[in-house]
Amino acid sequence: MDNKEMAELIDIDGLSHDIELVTFLNSDDDKRQYVVYSKGEVQQETGNQVIYIAKLLPDGNEFKLEEITDDIEWVDVQRLLKQIANAQPSK
């Protein structure tokens, strides 16, 4: 059974793309939210799935994705990802 959560992404040119939502991240102060998603691409050299991370901004009944350009914010996001990666599985 396939439990992938999918969403529609409209790019800057107005083209629609189906993406797989991997997870959401919240900043420690809960003022920023991020989305980790995939377009189904695989890196040829490693065979690993390519993932993207963007800041999630509410825009009425929709959301916009914003690129993370601030180095300090990017370090914060990487720390949040490491917390997920190092979390102990629940029993």
PDB file of N, CA and C in Angstrom:
ATOM      1  N   MET A   1       0.848  -1.183   0.000  1.00  0.00           N
ATOM      2  CA  MET A   1       0.000   0.000   0.000  1.00  0.00           C
ATOM      3  C   MET A   1       0.892   1.245   0.000  1.00  0.00           C
ATOM      4  N   ASP A   2       0.538   2.217  -0.819  1.00  0.00           N
ATOM      5  CA  ASP A   2       1.330   3.425  -0.972  1.00  0.00           C
ATOM      6  C   ASP A   2       0.705   4.553  -0.159  1.00  0.00           C
ATOM      7  N   ASN A   3       1.394   5.019   0.899  1.00  0.00           N
ATOM      8  CA  ASN A   3       0.863   6.055   1.768  1.00  0.00           C
ATOM      9  C   ASN A   3       1.518   7.405   1.533  1.00  0.00           C
ATOM     10  N   LYS A   4       1.959   7.673   0.333  1.00  0.00           N
ATOM     11  CA  LYS A   4       2.607   8.936   0.036  1.00  0.00           C
ATOM     12  C   LYS A   4       1.597  10.070   0.104  1.00  0.00           C
ATOM     13  N   GLU A   5       1.998  11.159   0.752  1.00  0.00           N
ATOM     14  CA  GLU A   5       1.163  12.356   0.778  1.00  0.00           C
ATOM     15  C   GLU A   5       1.634  13.269  -0.344  1.00  0.00           C
ATOM     16  N   MET A   6       0.751  13.525  -1.277  1.00  0.00           N
ATOM     17  CA  MET A   6       1.104  14.299  -2.463  1.00  0.00           C
ATOM     18  C   MET A   6       0.498  15.695  -2.380  1.00  0.00           C
ATOM     19  N   ALA A   7       1.100  16.622  -3.119  1.00  0.00           N
ATOM     20  CA  ALA A   7       0.589  17.989  -3.217  1.00  0.00           C
ATOM     21  C   ALA A   7       0.895  18.508  -4.613  1.00  0.00           C
ATOM     22  N   GLU A   8       0.240  19.575  -4.971  1.00  0.00           N
ATOM     23  CA  GLU A   8       0.485  20.207  -6.256  1.00  0.00           C
ATOM     24  C   GLU A   8       1.336  21.450  -6.025  1.00  0.00           C
ATOM     25  N   LEU A   9       2.397  21.576  -6.792  1.00  0.00           N
ATOM     26  CA  LEU A   9       3.286  22.731  -6.720  1.00  0.00           C
ATOM     27  C   LEU A   9       3.162  23.489  -8.038  1.00  0.00           C
ATOM     28  N   ILE A  10       2.829  24.767  -7.952  1.00  0.00           N
ATOM     29  CA  ILE A  10       2.768  25.623  -9.132  1.00  0.00           C
ATOM     30  C   ILE A  10       4.055  26.438  -9.144  1.00  0.00           C
ATOM     31  N   ASP A  11       4.854  26.267 -10.199  1.00  0.00           N
ATOM     32  CA  ASP A  11       6.134  26.979 -10.238  1.00  0.00           C
ATOM     33  C   ASP A  11       5.950  28.424 -10.704  1.00  0.00           C
ATOM     34  N   ILE A  12       7.041  29.152 -10.744  1.00  0.00           N
ATOM     35  CA  ILE A  12       7.026  30.572 -11.071  1.00  0.00           C
ATOM     36  C   ILE A  12       6.466  30.847 -12.470  1.00  0.00           C
ATOM     37  N   ASP A  13       6.545  29.841 -13.351  1.00  0.00           N
ATOM     38  CA  ASP A  13       6.023  29.971 -14.715  1.00  0.00           C
ATOM     39  C   ASP A  13       4.562  29.536 -14.820  1.00  0.00           C
ATOM     40  N   GLY A  14       3.962  29.156 -13.682  1.00  0.00           N
ATOM     41  CA  GLY A  14       2.570  28.732 -13.674  1.00  0.00           C
ATOM     42  C   GLY A  14       2.360  27.269 -14.031  1.00  0.00           C
ATOM     43  N   LEU A  15       3.446  26.507 -14.142  1.00  0.00           N
ATOM     44  CA  LEU A  15       3.344  25.078 -14.470  1.00  0.00           C
ATOM     45  C   LEU A  15       3.096  24.261 -13.207  1.00  0.00           C
ATOM     46  N   SER A  16       2.258  23.245 -13.310  1.00  0.00           N
ATOM     47  CA  SER A  16       1.902  22.397 -12.181  1.00  0.00           C
ATOM     48  C   SER A  16       2.825  21.179 -12.108  1.00  0.00           C
ATOM     49  N   HIS A  17       3.236  20.836 -10.880  1.00  0.00           N
ATOM     50  CA  HIS A  17       4.089  19.663 -10.634  1.00  0.00           C
ATOM     51  C   HIS A  17       3.525  18.920  -9.424  1.00  0.00           C
ATOM     52  N   ASP A  18       3.442  17.592  -9.528  1.00  0.00           N
ATOM     53  CA  ASP A  18       3.074  16.785  -8.372  1.00  0.00           C
ATOM     54  C   ASP A  18       4.330  16.534  -7.550  1.00  0.00           C
ATOM     55  N   ILE A  19       4.235  16.784  -6.248  1.00  0.00           N
ATOM     56  CA  ILE A  19       5.371  16.546  -5.356  1.00  0.00           C
ATOM     57  C   ILE A  19       4.925  15.644  -4.210  1.00  0.00           C
ATOM     58  N   GLU A  20       5.904  14.932  -3.650  1.00  0.00           N
ATOM     59  CA  GLU A  20       5.651  14.108  -2.469  1.00  0.00           C
ATOM     60  C   GLU A  20       6.108  14.872  -1.242  1.00  0.00           C
ATOM     61  N   LEU A  21       5.198  15.044  -0.293  1.00  0.00           N
ATOM     62  CA  LEU A  21       5.546  15.704   0.966  1.00  0.00           C
ATOM     63  C   LEU A  21       6.249  14.687   1.853  1.00  0.00           C
ATOM     64  N   VAL A  22       7.468  15.003   2.272  1.00  0.00           N
ATOM     65  CA  VAL A  22       8.250  14.086   3.097  1.00  0.00           C
ATOM     66  C   VAL A  22       7.998  14.373   4.571  1.00  0.00           C
ATOM     67  N   THR A  23       8.159  15.631   4.974  1.00  0.00           N
ATOM     68  CA  THR A  23       7.912  16.020   6.362  1.00  0.00           C
ATOM     69  C   THR A  23       7.843  17.536   6.458  1.00  0.00           C
ATOM     70  N   PHE A  24       7.411  18.000   7.607  1.00  0.00           N
ATOM     71  CA  PHE A  24       7.395  19.428   7.915  1.00  0.00           C
ATOM     72  C   PHE A  24       8.295  19.664   9.113  1.00  0.00           C
ATOM     73  N   LEU A  25       8.920  20.809   9.163  1.00  0.00           N
ATOM     74  CA  LEU A  25       9.782  21.199  10.273  1.00  0.00           C
ATOM     75  C   LEU A  25       9.298  22.533  10.825  1.00  0.00           C
ATOM     76  N   ASN A  26       9.336  22.684  12.142  1.00  0.00           N
ATOM     77  CA  ASN A  26       9.015  23.958  12.780  1.00  0.00           C
ATOM     78  C   ASN A  26      10.251  24.476  13.489  1.00  0.00           C
ATOM     79  N   SER A  27      10.495  25.770  13.362  1.00  0.00           N
ATOM     80  CA  SER A  27      11.616  26.369  14.082  1.00  0.00           C
ATOM     81  C   SER A  27      11.354  26.269  15.577  1.00  0.00           C
ATOM     82  N   ASP A  28      12.405  26.381  16.366  1.00  0.00           N
ATOM     83  CA  ASP A  28      12.271  26.253  17.820  1.00  0.00           C
ATOM     84  C   ASP A  28      11.294  27.270  18.404  1.00  0.00           C
ATOM     85  N   ASP A  29      11.220  28.453  17.798  1.00  0.00           N
ATOM     86  CA  ASP A  29      10.314  29.485  18.297  1.00  0.00           C
ATOM     87  C   ASP A  29       8.932  29.418  17.641  1.00  0.00           C
ATOM     88  N   ASP A  30       8.711  28.420  16.792  1.00  0.00           N
ATOM     89  CA  ASP A  30       7.451  28.197  16.069  1.00  0.00           C
ATOM     90  C   ASP A  30       7.038  29.366  15.176  1.00  0.00           C
ATOM     91  N   LYS A  31       7.986  30.205  14.803  1.00  0.00           N
ATOM     92  CA  LYS A  31       7.677  31.343  13.938  1.00  0.00           C
ATOM     93  C   LYS A  31       7.892  31.018  12.463  1.00  0.00           C
ATOM     94  N   ARG A  32       8.615  29.942  12.177  1.00  0.00           N
ATOM     95  CA  ARG A  32       8.884  29.561  10.791  1.00  0.00           C
ATOM     96  C   ARG A  32       8.569  28.079  10.609  1.00  0.00           C
ATOM     97  N   GLN A  33       8.011  27.762   9.439  1.00  0.00           N
ATOM     98  CA  GLN A  33       7.724  26.371   9.107  1.00  0.00           C
ATOM     99  C   GLN A  33       8.377  26.062   7.767  1.00  0.00           C
ATOM    100  N   TYR A  34       8.872  24.843   7.655  1.00  0.00           N
ATOM    101  CA  TYR A  34       9.569  24.395   6.450  1.00  0.00           C
ATOM    102  C   TYR A  34       8.922  23.105   5.967  1.00  0.00           C
ATOM    103  N   VAL A  35       9.047  22.869   4.674  1.00  0.00           N
ATOM    104  CA  VAL A  35       8.543  21.630   4.099  1.00  0.00           C
ATOM    105  C   VAL A  35       9.705  20.925   3.405  1.00  0.00           C
ATOM    106  N   VAL A  36       9.781  19.619   3.616  1.00  0.00           N
ATOM    107  CA  VAL A  36      10.751  18.774   2.929  1.00  0.00           C
ATOM    108  C   VAL A  36       9.937  17.977   1.915  1.00  0.00           C
ATOM    109  N   TYR A  37      10.339  18.055   0.643  1.00  0.00           N
ATOM    110  CA  TYR A  37       9.555  17.396  -0.401  1.00  0.00           C
ATOM    111  C   TYR A  37      10.452  16.810  -1.477  1.00  0.00           C
ATOM    112  N   SER A  38       9.835  15.969  -2.306  1.00  0.00           N
ATOM    113  CA  SER A  38      10.542  15.301  -3.391  1.00  0.00           C
ATOM    114  C   SER A  38       9.748  15.452  -4.677  1.00  0.00           C
ATOM    115  N   LYS A  39      10.467  15.535  -5.774  1.00  0.00           N
ATOM    116  CA  LYS A  39       9.839  15.561  -7.101  1.00  0.00           C
ATOM    117  C   LYS A  39       9.978  14.202  -7.784  1.00  0.00           C
ATOM    118  N   GLY A  40      10.420  13.187  -7.035  1.00  0.00           N
ATOM    119  CA  GLY A  40      10.589  11.848  -7.587  1.00  0.00           C
ATOM    120  C   GLY A  40      11.888  11.662  -8.352  1.00  0.00           C
ATOM    121  N   GLU A  41      12.821  12.585  -8.205  1.00  0.00           N
ATOM    122  CA  GLU A  41      14.103  12.510  -8.908  1.00  0.00           C
ATOM    123  C   GLU A  41      15.083  11.646  -8.125  1.00  0.00           C
ATOM    124  N   VAL A  42      15.949  10.948  -8.861  1.00  0.00           N
ATOM    125  CA  VAL A  42      16.987  10.121  -8.243  1.00  0.00           C
ATOM    126  C   VAL A  42      18.339  10.596  -8.750  1.00  0.00           C
ATOM    127  N   GLN A  43      19.272  10.781  -7.814  1.00  0.00           N
ATOM    128  CA  GLN A  43      20.627  11.210  -8.172  1.00  0.00           C
ATOM    129  C   GLN A  43      21.340  10.033  -8.842  1.00  0.00           C
ATOM    130  N   GLN A  44      21.814  10.253 -10.057  1.00  0.00           N
ATOM    131  CA  GLN A  44      22.403   9.158 -10.837  1.00  0.00           C
ATOM    132  C   GLN A  44      23.621   8.535 -10.166  1.00  0.00           C
ATOM    133  N   GLU A  45      24.487   9.354  -9.592  1.00  0.00           N
ATOM    134  CA  GLU A  45      25.739   8.836  -9.028  1.00  0.00           C
ATOM    135  C   GLU A  45      25.514   7.922  -7.829  1.00  0.00           C
ATOM    136  N   THR A  46      24.531   8.261  -6.990  1.00  0.00           N
ATOM    137  CA  THR A  46      24.342   7.507  -5.746  1.00  0.00           C
ATOM    138  C   THR A  46      23.077   6.661  -5.721  1.00  0.00           C
ATOM    139  N   GLY A  47      22.121   6.993  -6.573  1.00  0.00           N
ATOM    140  CA  GLY A  47      20.840   6.304  -6.539  1.00  0.00           C
ATOM    141  C   GLY A  47      19.925   6.819  -5.444  1.00  0.00           C
ATOM    142  N   ASN A  48      20.358   7.857  -4.718  1.00  0.00           N
ATOM    143  CA  ASN A  48      19.555   8.437  -3.642  1.00  0.00           C
ATOM    144  C   ASN A  48      18.486   9.367  -4.212  1.00  0.00           C
ATOM    145  N   GLN A  49      17.373   9.420  -3.501  1.00  0.00           N
ATOM    146  CA  GLN A  49      16.293  10.319  -3.892  1.00  0.00           C
ATOM    147  C   GLN A  49      16.701  11.762  -3.596  1.00  0.00           C
ATOM    148  N   VAL A  50      16.407  12.680  -4.514  1.00  0.00           N
ATOM    149  CA  VAL A  50      16.697  14.098  -4.324  1.00  0.00           C
ATOM    150  C   VAL A  50      15.550  14.709  -3.521  1.00  0.00           C
ATOM    151  N   ILE A  51      15.886  15.426  -2.447  1.00  0.00           N
ATOM    152  CA  ILE A  51      14.866  16.121  -1.671  1.00  0.00           C
ATOM    153  C   ILE A  51      15.143  17.613  -1.706  1.00  0.00           C
ATOM    154  N   TYR A  52      14.085  18.370  -1.478  1.00  0.00           N
ATOM    155  CA  TYR A  52      14.154  19.829  -1.447  1.00  0.00           C
ATOM    156  C   TYR A  52      13.600  20.302  -0.114  1.00  0.00           C
ATOM    157  N   ILE A  53      14.091  21.435   0.342  1.00  0.00           N
ATOM    158  CA  ILE A  53      13.607  22.033   1.577  1.00  0.00           C
ATOM    159  C   ILE A  53      13.341  23.497   1.292  1.00  0.00           C
ATOM    160  N   ALA A  54      12.164  23.976   1.707  1.00  0.00           N
ATOM    161  CA  ALA A  54      11.806  25.367   1.478  1.00  0.00           C
ATOM    162  C   ALA A  54      11.030  25.900   2.676  1.00  0.00           C
ATOM    163  N   LYS A  55      11.076  27.208   2.846  1.00  0.00           N
ATOM    164  CA  LYS A  55      10.268  27.860   3.870  1.00  0.00           C
ATOM    165  C   LYS A  55       8.832  27.883   3.367  1.00  0.00           C
ATOM    166  N   LEU A  56       7.892  27.576   4.249  1.00  0.00           N
ATOM    167  CA  LEU A  56       6.478  27.507   3.906  1.00  0.00           C
ATOM    168  C   LEU A  56       5.800  28.780   4.401  1.00  0.00           C
ATOM    169  N   LEU A  57       5.208  29.546   3.470  1.00  0.00           N
ATOM    170  CA  LEU A  57       4.573  30.821   3.814  1.00  0.00           C
ATOM    171  C   LEU A  57       3.086  30.774   3.476  1.00  0.00           C
ATOM    172  N   PRO A  58       2.202  31.030   4.470  1.00  0.00           N
ATOM    173  CA  PRO A  58       0.771  31.057   4.179  1.00  0.00           C
ATOM    174  C   PRO A  58       0.437  32.223   3.250  1.00  0.00           C
ATOM    175  N   ASP A  59      -0.481  31.976   2.314  1.00  0.00           N
ATOM    176  CA  ASP A  59      -0.918  32.998   1.364  1.00  0.00           C
ATOM    177  C   ASP A  59      -2.400  32.780   1.091  1.00  0.00           C
ATOM    178  N   GLY A  60      -3.227  33.289   1.984  1.00  0.00           N
ATOM    179  CA  GLY A  60      -4.665  33.045   1.874  1.00  0.00           C
ATOM    180  C   GLY A  60      -4.967  31.591   2.150  1.00  0.00           C
ATOM    181  N   ASN A  61      -5.633  30.923   1.203  1.00  0.00           N
ATOM    182  CA  ASN A  61      -5.982  29.509   1.355  1.00  0.00           C
ATOM    183  C   ASN A  61      -4.903  28.597   0.788  1.00  0.00           C
ATOM    184  N   GLU A  62      -3.799  29.170   0.352  1.00  0.00           N
ATOM    185  CA  GLU A  62      -2.708  28.405  -0.242  1.00  0.00           C
ATOM    186  C   GLU A  62      -1.418  28.688   0.525  1.00  0.00           C
ATOM    187  N   PHE A  63      -0.368  28.042   0.076  1.00  0.00           N
ATOM    188  CA  PHE A  63       0.954  28.281   0.654  1.00  0.00           C
ATOM    189  C   PHE A  63       1.928  28.581  -0.466  1.00  0.00           C
ATOM    190  N   LYS A  64       2.915  29.395  -0.156  1.00  0.00           N
ATOM    191  CA  LYS A  64       4.004  29.661  -1.091  1.00  0.00           C
ATOM    192  C   LYS A  64       5.279  29.100  -0.490  1.00  0.00           C
ATOM    193  N   LEU A  65       6.170  28.654  -1.358  1.00  0.00           N
ATOM    194  CA  LEU A  65       7.467  28.162  -0.925  1.00  0.00           C
ATOM    195  C   LEU A  65       8.499  29.235  -1.204  1.00  0.00           C
ATOM    196  N   GLU A  66       9.367  29.446  -0.237  1.00  0.00           N
ATOM    197  CA  GLU A  66      10.432  30.438  -0.386  1.00  0.00           C
ATOM    198  C   GLU A  66      11.772  29.762  -0.160  1.00  0.00           C
ATOM    199  N   GLU A  67      12.709  30.037  -1.040  1.00  0.00           N
ATOM    200  CA  GLU A  67      14.046  29.477  -0.918  1.00  0.00           C
ATOM    201  C   GLU A  67      14.717  29.986   0.356  1.00  0.00           C
ATOM    202  N   ILE A  68      15.474  29.131   0.998  1.00  0.00           N
ATOM    203  CA  ILE A  68      16.228  29.514   2.194  1.00  0.00           C
ATOM    204  C   ILE A  68      17.565  30.064   1.715  1.00  0.00           C
ATOM    205  N   THR A  69      17.769  31.360   1.884  1.00  0.00           N
ATOM    206  CA  THR A  69      18.981  32.003   1.385  1.00  0.00           C
ATOM    207  C   THR A  69      19.898  32.479   2.499  1.00  0.00           C
ATOM    208  N   ASP A  70      19.373  32.569   3.712  1.00  0.00           N
ATOM    209  CA  ASP A  70      20.150  33.045   4.851  1.00  0.00           C
ATOM    210  C   ASP A  70      20.972  31.893   5.437  1.00  0.00           C
ATOM    211  N   ASP A  71      22.280  32.071   5.544  1.00  0.00           N
ATOM    212  CA  ASP A  71      23.162  31.005   6.044  1.00  0.00           C
ATOM    213  C   ASP A  71      22.817  30.588   7.466  1.00  0.00           C
ATOM    214  N   ILE A  72      22.485  31.519   8.321  1.00  0.00           N
ATOM    215  CA  ILE A  72      22.153  31.196   9.713  1.00  0.00           C
ATOM    216  C   ILE A  72      20.857  30.390   9.768  1.00  0.00           C
ATOM    217  N   GLU A  73      19.875  30.781   8.964  1.00  0.00           N
ATOM    218  CA  GLU A  73      18.621  30.038   8.914  1.00  0.00           C
ATOM    219  C   GLU A  73      18.861  28.621   8.379  1.00  0.00           C
ATOM    220  N   TRP A  74      19.740  28.495   7.379  1.00  0.00           N
ATOM    221  CA  TRP A  74      20.031  27.178   6.802  1.00  0.00           C
ATOM    222  C   TRP A  74      20.682  26.269   7.853  1.00  0.00           C
ATOM    223  N   VAL A  75      21.573  26.795   8.666  1.00  0.00           N
ATOM    224  CA  VAL A  75      22.190  26.015   9.744  1.00  0.00           C
ATOM    225  C   VAL A  75      21.115  25.538  10.718  1.00  0.00           C
ATOM    226  N   ASP A  76      20.153  26.406  11.007  1.00  0.00           N
ATOM    227  CA  ASP A  76      19.037  26.049  11.877  1.00  0.00           C
ATOM    228  C   ASP A  76      18.234  24.884  11.296  1.00  0.00           C
ATOM    229  N   VAL A  77      17.934  24.953  10.008  1.00  0.00           N
ATOM    230  CA  VAL A  77      17.170  23.896   9.337  1.00  0.00           C
ATOM    231  C   VAL A  77      17.953  22.582   9.356  1.00  0.00           C
ATOM    232  N   GLN A  78      19.239  22.644   9.111  1.00  0.00           N
ATOM    233  CA  GLN A  78      20.068  21.434   9.156  1.00  0.00           C
ATOM    234  C   GLN A  78      20.044  20.812  10.547  1.00  0.00           C
ATOM    235  N   ARG A  79      20.052  21.634  11.589  1.00  0.00           N
ATOM    236  CA  ARG A  79      19.979  21.139  12.962  1.00  0.00           C
ATOM    237  C   ARG A  79      18.639  20.440  13.204  1.00  0.00           C
ATOM    238  N   LEU A  80      17.549  21.016  12.680  1.00  0.00           N
ATOM    239  CA  LEU A  80      16.233  20.393  12.822  1.00  0.00           C
ATOM    240  C   LEU A  80      16.192  19.040  12.120  1.00  0.00           C
ATOM    241  N   LEU A  81      16.809  18.950  10.946  1.00  0.00           N
ATOM    242  CA  LEU A  81      16.869  17.677  10.223  1.00  0.00           C
ATOM    243  C   LEU A  81      17.672  16.639  10.991  1.00  0.00           C
ATOM    244  N   LYS A  82      18.770  17.059  11.603  1.00  0.00           N
ATOM    245  CA  LYS A  82      19.597  16.126  12.386  1.00  0.00           C
ATOM    246  C   LYS A  82      18.822  15.609  13.591  1.00  0.00           C
ATOM    247  N   GLN A  83      17.964  16.468  14.189  1.00  0.00           N
ATOM    248  CA  GLN A  83      17.152  16.013  15.315  1.00  0.00           C
ATOM    249  C   GLN A  83      16.227  14.883  14.886  1.00  0.00           C
ATOM    250  N   ILE A  84      15.647  15.007  13.689  1.00  0.00           N
ATOM    251  CA  ILE A  84      14.773  13.942  13.173  1.00  0.00           C
ATOM    252  C   ILE A  84      15.582  12.686  12.910  1.00  0.00           C
ATOM    253  N   ALA A  85      16.737  12.849  12.274  1.00  0.00           N
ATOM    254  CA  ALA A  85      17.567  11.704  11.917  1.00  0.00           C
ATOM    255  C   ALA A  85      18.063  10.955  13.154  1.00  0.00           C
ATOM    256  N   ASN A  86      18.280  11.681  14.243  1.00  0.00           N
ATOM    257  CA  ASN A  86      18.819  11.068  15.458  1.00  0.00           C
ATOM    258  C   ASN A  86      17.742  10.682  16.469  1.00  0.00           C
ATOM    259  N   ALA A  87      16.479  10.924  16.126  1.00  0.00           N
ATOM    260  CA  ALA A  87      15.387  10.602  17.053  1.00  0.00           C
ATOM    261  C   ALA A  87      15.286   9.084  17.212  1.00  0.00           C
ATOM    262  N   GLN A  88      14.983   8.670  18.416  1.00  0.00           N
ATOM    263  CA  GLN A  88      14.806   7.248  18.691  1.00  0.00           C
ATOM    264  C   GLN A  88      13.437   6.820  18.209  1.00  0.00           C
ATOM    265  N   PRO A  89      13.323   5.690  17.524  1.00  0.00           N
ATOM    266  CA  PRO A  89      12.006   5.222  17.077  1.00  0.00           C
ATOM    267  C   PRO A  89      11.136   4.867  18.269  1.00  0.00           C
ATOM    268  N   SER A  90       9.854   5.177  18.151  1.00  0.00           N
ATOM    269  CA  SER A  90       8.933   4.840  19.246  1.00  0.00           C
ATOM    270  C   SER A  90       8.592   3.356  19.177  1.00  0.00           C
ATOM    271  N   LYS A  91       8.386   2.772  20.339  1.00  0.00           N
ATOM    272  CA  LYS A  91       8.106   1.327  20.417  1.00  0.00           C
ATOM    273  C   LYS A  91       6.649   1.078  20.706  1.00  0.00           C
TER     274      LYS A  91
END
